[in-house]
Amino acid sequence: YDLTAGLSKCLAKYISPTNYQTRCISIFHDKNGFAAGSIEGRCAIENFKEMGNTTKAPNSSNFVFKCHRVKQKISHGNHESSDIYGVNAISFTNLNTFATGGSDGNIVIWDKIGKARLQTLDRFEKQTTISALTFNPMSNLLFYATSYDWSMGQNHELVNSPNKIWIHPVQPNEITPKKK
């Protein structure tokens, strides 16, 4: 929306490529697009210059990826399954890398261009949920909140997990894209 003219005017509409509820959205640091997270444990990366393009060209920089899934071994056999958790928060760094926070209690830092996971902060895995997060303007601090997000219902064991705000001092290697 353009709010500068005194009244709001819709500039564009977007249909999410994810199948279920969009829970969060964050604009790229360079303002060229955005990321949207959903309850299905997926994150969509969309560039404004490619919006509205219904054909997915092989060189498209728009994509959807799976995140916030915790693998578990199935007790009978050598199979693995994944528990799927919603993406509750997204924040971009000044390097255009970004963090996602999920209902699994994990924070994951991603390289948007390289389409790669850079770092996982799993201190709270399955102990609470990450309900919000944001980097400061210099991207040397990550502020995040832990609290139950009700995604597992009112009778879940985490319903009484404490509401806390945390500050994580960011190391440059945690947010810097890896060189190829």
Protein backbone atom coordinates (compact mmCIF):
# COMPACT_ATOMS: atom_id res chain seq x y z
CA TYR A 1 0.00 0.00 0.00
CA ASP A 2 1.11 3.56 -0.72
CA LEU A 3 0.31 5.65 2.35
CA THR A 4 2.13 8.83 1.26
CA ALA A 5 -0.81 10.37 -0.61
CA GLY A 6 -2.95 10.66 2.52
CA LEU A 7 -5.15 7.73 1.62
CA SER A 8 -4.13 4.16 1.10
CA LYS A 9 -3.92 2.81 -2.43
CA CYS A 10 -3.22 -0.84 -3.15
CA LEU A 11 -0.15 -1.09 -5.38
CA ALA A 12 -0.16 -4.85 -5.95
CA LYS A 13 -1.87 -8.04 -4.86
CA TYR A 14 -0.05 -11.27 -4.24
CA ILE A 15 -1.26 -14.86 -4.17
CA SER A 16 0.98 -16.91 -1.94
CA PRO A 17 2.61 -20.00 -3.48
CA THR A 18 2.25 -21.78 -0.12
CA ASN A 19 -0.82 -23.94 0.40
CA TYR A 20 -1.83 -22.89 3.89
CA GLN A 21 -2.11 -19.82 6.11
CA THR A 22 0.59 -17.17 5.75
CA ARG A 23 1.78 -16.35 9.25
CA CYS A 24 4.51 -13.75 8.67
CA ILE A 25 6.09 -11.55 6.02
CA SER A 26 9.26 -9.45 5.80
CA ILE A 27 10.67 -7.21 3.07
CA PHE A 28 14.23 -7.80 1.82
CA HIS A 29 16.82 -5.38 3.19
CA ASP A 30 17.38 -4.09 -0.37
CA LYS A 31 13.57 -3.61 -0.78
CA ASN A 32 13.49 -5.72 -3.99
CA GLY A 33 11.10 -8.37 -2.69
CA PHE A 34 9.89 -10.19 0.37
CA ALA A 35 9.72 -13.49 2.22
CA ALA A 36 6.49 -15.01 3.54
CA GLY A 37 6.29 -17.83 6.07
CA SER A 38 3.41 -20.24 6.53
CA ILE A 39 1.97 -22.68 9.05
CA GLU A 40 3.07 -25.56 6.79
CA GLY A 41 6.75 -25.04 7.63
CA ARG A 42 7.56 -23.38 4.32
CA CYS A 43 8.97 -20.00 3.34
CA ALA A 44 8.40 -18.27 0.00
CA ILE A 45 10.94 -15.88 -1.51
CA GLU A 46 9.39 -13.45 -4.00
CA ASN A 47 11.12 -10.71 -5.99
CA PHE A 48 8.99 -7.72 -7.00
CA LYS A 49 10.37 -7.67 -10.57
CA GLU A 50 9.10 -11.23 -11.12
CA MET A 51 5.69 -10.91 -9.44
CA GLY A 52 2.78 -11.73 -11.67
CA ASN A 53 4.90 -14.05 -13.80
CA THR A 54 2.84 -17.23 -13.78
CA THR A 55 5.43 -19.27 -15.67
CA LYS A 56 8.31 -20.38 -13.50
CA ALA A 57 11.36 -19.73 -15.65
CA PRO A 58 14.41 -21.91 -14.92
CA ASN A 59 16.39 -18.83 -13.87
CA SER A 60 13.63 -17.44 -11.64
CA SER A 61 14.84 -16.13 -8.31
CA ASN A 62 11.44 -16.83 -6.72
CA PHE A 63 11.21 -20.08 -4.80
CA VAL A 64 9.56 -21.87 -1.89
CA PHE A 65 11.53 -24.03 0.51
CA LYS A 66 10.86 -26.30 3.48
CA CYS A 67 12.10 -25.19 6.89
CA HIS A 68 11.28 -25.78 10.55
CA ARG A 69 10.98 -29.52 10.29
CA VAL A 70 12.42 -31.76 12.97
CA LYS A 71 13.46 -35.21 11.76
CA GLN A 72 12.60 -38.21 13.90
CA LYS A 73 13.55 -41.85 13.54
CA ILE A 74 10.59 -44.19 13.32
CA SER A 75 10.98 -46.87 15.99
CA HIS A 76 10.29 -49.77 13.63
CA GLY A 77 12.84 -49.74 10.85
CA ASN A 78 15.37 -47.28 9.51
CA HIS A 79 12.84 -44.74 8.26
CA GLU A 80 12.72 -41.08 9.20
CA SER A 81 9.77 -38.74 9.34
CA SER A 82 9.59 -35.02 9.91
CA ASP A 83 7.41 -33.09 12.31
CA ILE A 84 6.31 -29.89 10.57
CA TYR A 85 6.21 -26.58 12.45
CA GLY A 86 4.92 -23.17 11.38
CA VAL A 87 7.17 -20.24 10.48
CA ASN A 88 6.20 -17.49 12.94
CA ALA A 89 8.72 -14.75 12.15
CA ILE A 90 11.16 -13.59 9.45
CA SER A 91 13.76 -10.81 9.59
CA PHE A 92 16.42 -9.72 7.08
CA THR A 93 19.97 -8.63 7.87
CA ASN A 94 21.80 -5.77 6.19
CA LEU A 95 23.57 -8.47 4.09
CA ASN A 96 20.17 -9.65 2.73
CA THR A 97 20.51 -12.95 4.57
CA PHE A 98 17.58 -13.67 6.88
CA ALA A 99 16.39 -15.54 9.94
CA THR A 100 13.20 -17.53 10.42
CA GLY A 101 11.74 -18.43 13.80
CA GLY A 102 9.41 -21.37 14.16
CA SER A 103 6.99 -23.27 16.34
CA ASP A 104 9.74 -25.89 16.77
CA GLY A 105 11.66 -23.44 18.99
CA ASN A 106 14.45 -23.03 16.43
CA ILE A 107 15.88 -19.97 14.70
CA VAL A 108 17.46 -20.66 11.32
CA ILE A 109 19.60 -18.17 9.39
CA TRP A 110 19.47 -18.47 5.59
CA ASP A 111 21.37 -17.25 2.54
CA LYS A 112 18.65 -16.08 0.14
CA ILE A 113 20.90 -15.89 -2.94
CA GLY A 114 22.78 -19.14 -2.28
CA LYS A 115 19.56 -20.89 -1.18
CA ALA A 116 21.37 -22.39 1.79
CA ARG A 117 21.09 -22.73 5.55
CA LEU A 118 23.87 -20.76 7.26
CA GLN A 119 23.21 -21.40 10.95
CA THR A 120 20.69 -23.06 13.27
CA LEU A 121 20.12 -21.73 16.77
CA ASP A 122 18.38 -24.71 18.37
CA ARG A 123 18.71 -23.82 22.04
CA PHE A 124 14.92 -24.03 22.53
CA GLU A 125 14.08 -26.93 20.19
CA LYS A 126 10.75 -28.43 21.28
CA GLN A 127 10.91 -26.52 24.61
CA THR A 128 8.92 -23.47 23.49
CA THR A 129 8.16 -21.59 20.27
CA ILE A 130 9.83 -18.59 18.66
CA SER A 131 7.00 -16.10 18.35
CA ALA A 132 8.85 -13.03 17.01
CA LEU A 133 12.34 -11.96 15.93
CA THR A 134 14.14 -9.00 14.39
CA PHE A 135 17.69 -7.87 13.67
CA ASN A 136 18.85 -4.41 14.73
CA PRO A 137 19.87 -2.07 11.84
CA MET A 138 23.55 -3.06 12.07
CA SER A 139 22.60 -6.78 12.15
CA ASN A 140 24.92 -7.41 15.08
CA LEU A 141 22.05 -8.21 17.46
CA LEU A 142 19.09 -10.54 17.01
CA PHE A 143 16.14 -9.87 19.29
CA TYR A 144 13.63 -12.69 19.66
CA ALA A 145 10.70 -13.71 21.80
CA THR A 146 9.84 -17.15 23.11
CA SER A 147 6.29 -17.95 24.13
CA TYR A 148 3.71 -20.59 23.37
CA ASP A 149 1.99 -19.82 20.05
CA TRP A 150 -1.04 -22.10 20.55
CA SER A 151 -0.23 -24.03 17.36
CA MET A 152 -0.50 -27.34 19.21
CA GLY A 153 -3.73 -26.56 21.07
CA GLN A 154 -4.73 -25.52 24.56
CA ASN A 155 -3.83 -28.81 26.22
CA HIS A 156 -0.24 -29.10 24.99
CA GLU A 157 2.55 -29.42 27.58
CA LEU A 158 4.16 -26.16 26.38
CA VAL A 159 1.05 -24.06 27.08
CA ASN A 160 2.65 -22.73 30.29
CA SER A 161 6.10 -22.07 28.85
CA PRO A 162 7.31 -18.64 29.98
CA ASN A 163 7.13 -15.55 27.80
CA LYS A 164 10.64 -14.14 27.43
CA ILE A 165 12.55 -11.71 25.23
CA TRP A 166 16.14 -12.60 24.36
CA ILE A 167 19.07 -10.81 22.72
CA HIS A 168 21.55 -12.87 20.71
CA PRO A 169 24.87 -11.19 19.84
CA VAL A 170 25.35 -12.07 16.17
CA GLN A 171 28.75 -13.23 14.98
CA PRO A 172 29.60 -12.16 11.40
CA ASN A 173 30.01 -15.81 10.27
CA GLU A 174 26.41 -16.53 11.32
CA ILE A 175 24.91 -14.12 8.77
CA THR A 176 27.56 -13.87 6.02
CA PRO A 177 26.88 -15.89 2.84
CA LYS A 178 29.42 -18.59 2.22
CA LYS A 179 31.70 -18.01 -0.78
CA LYS A 180 31.47 -20.52 -3.59
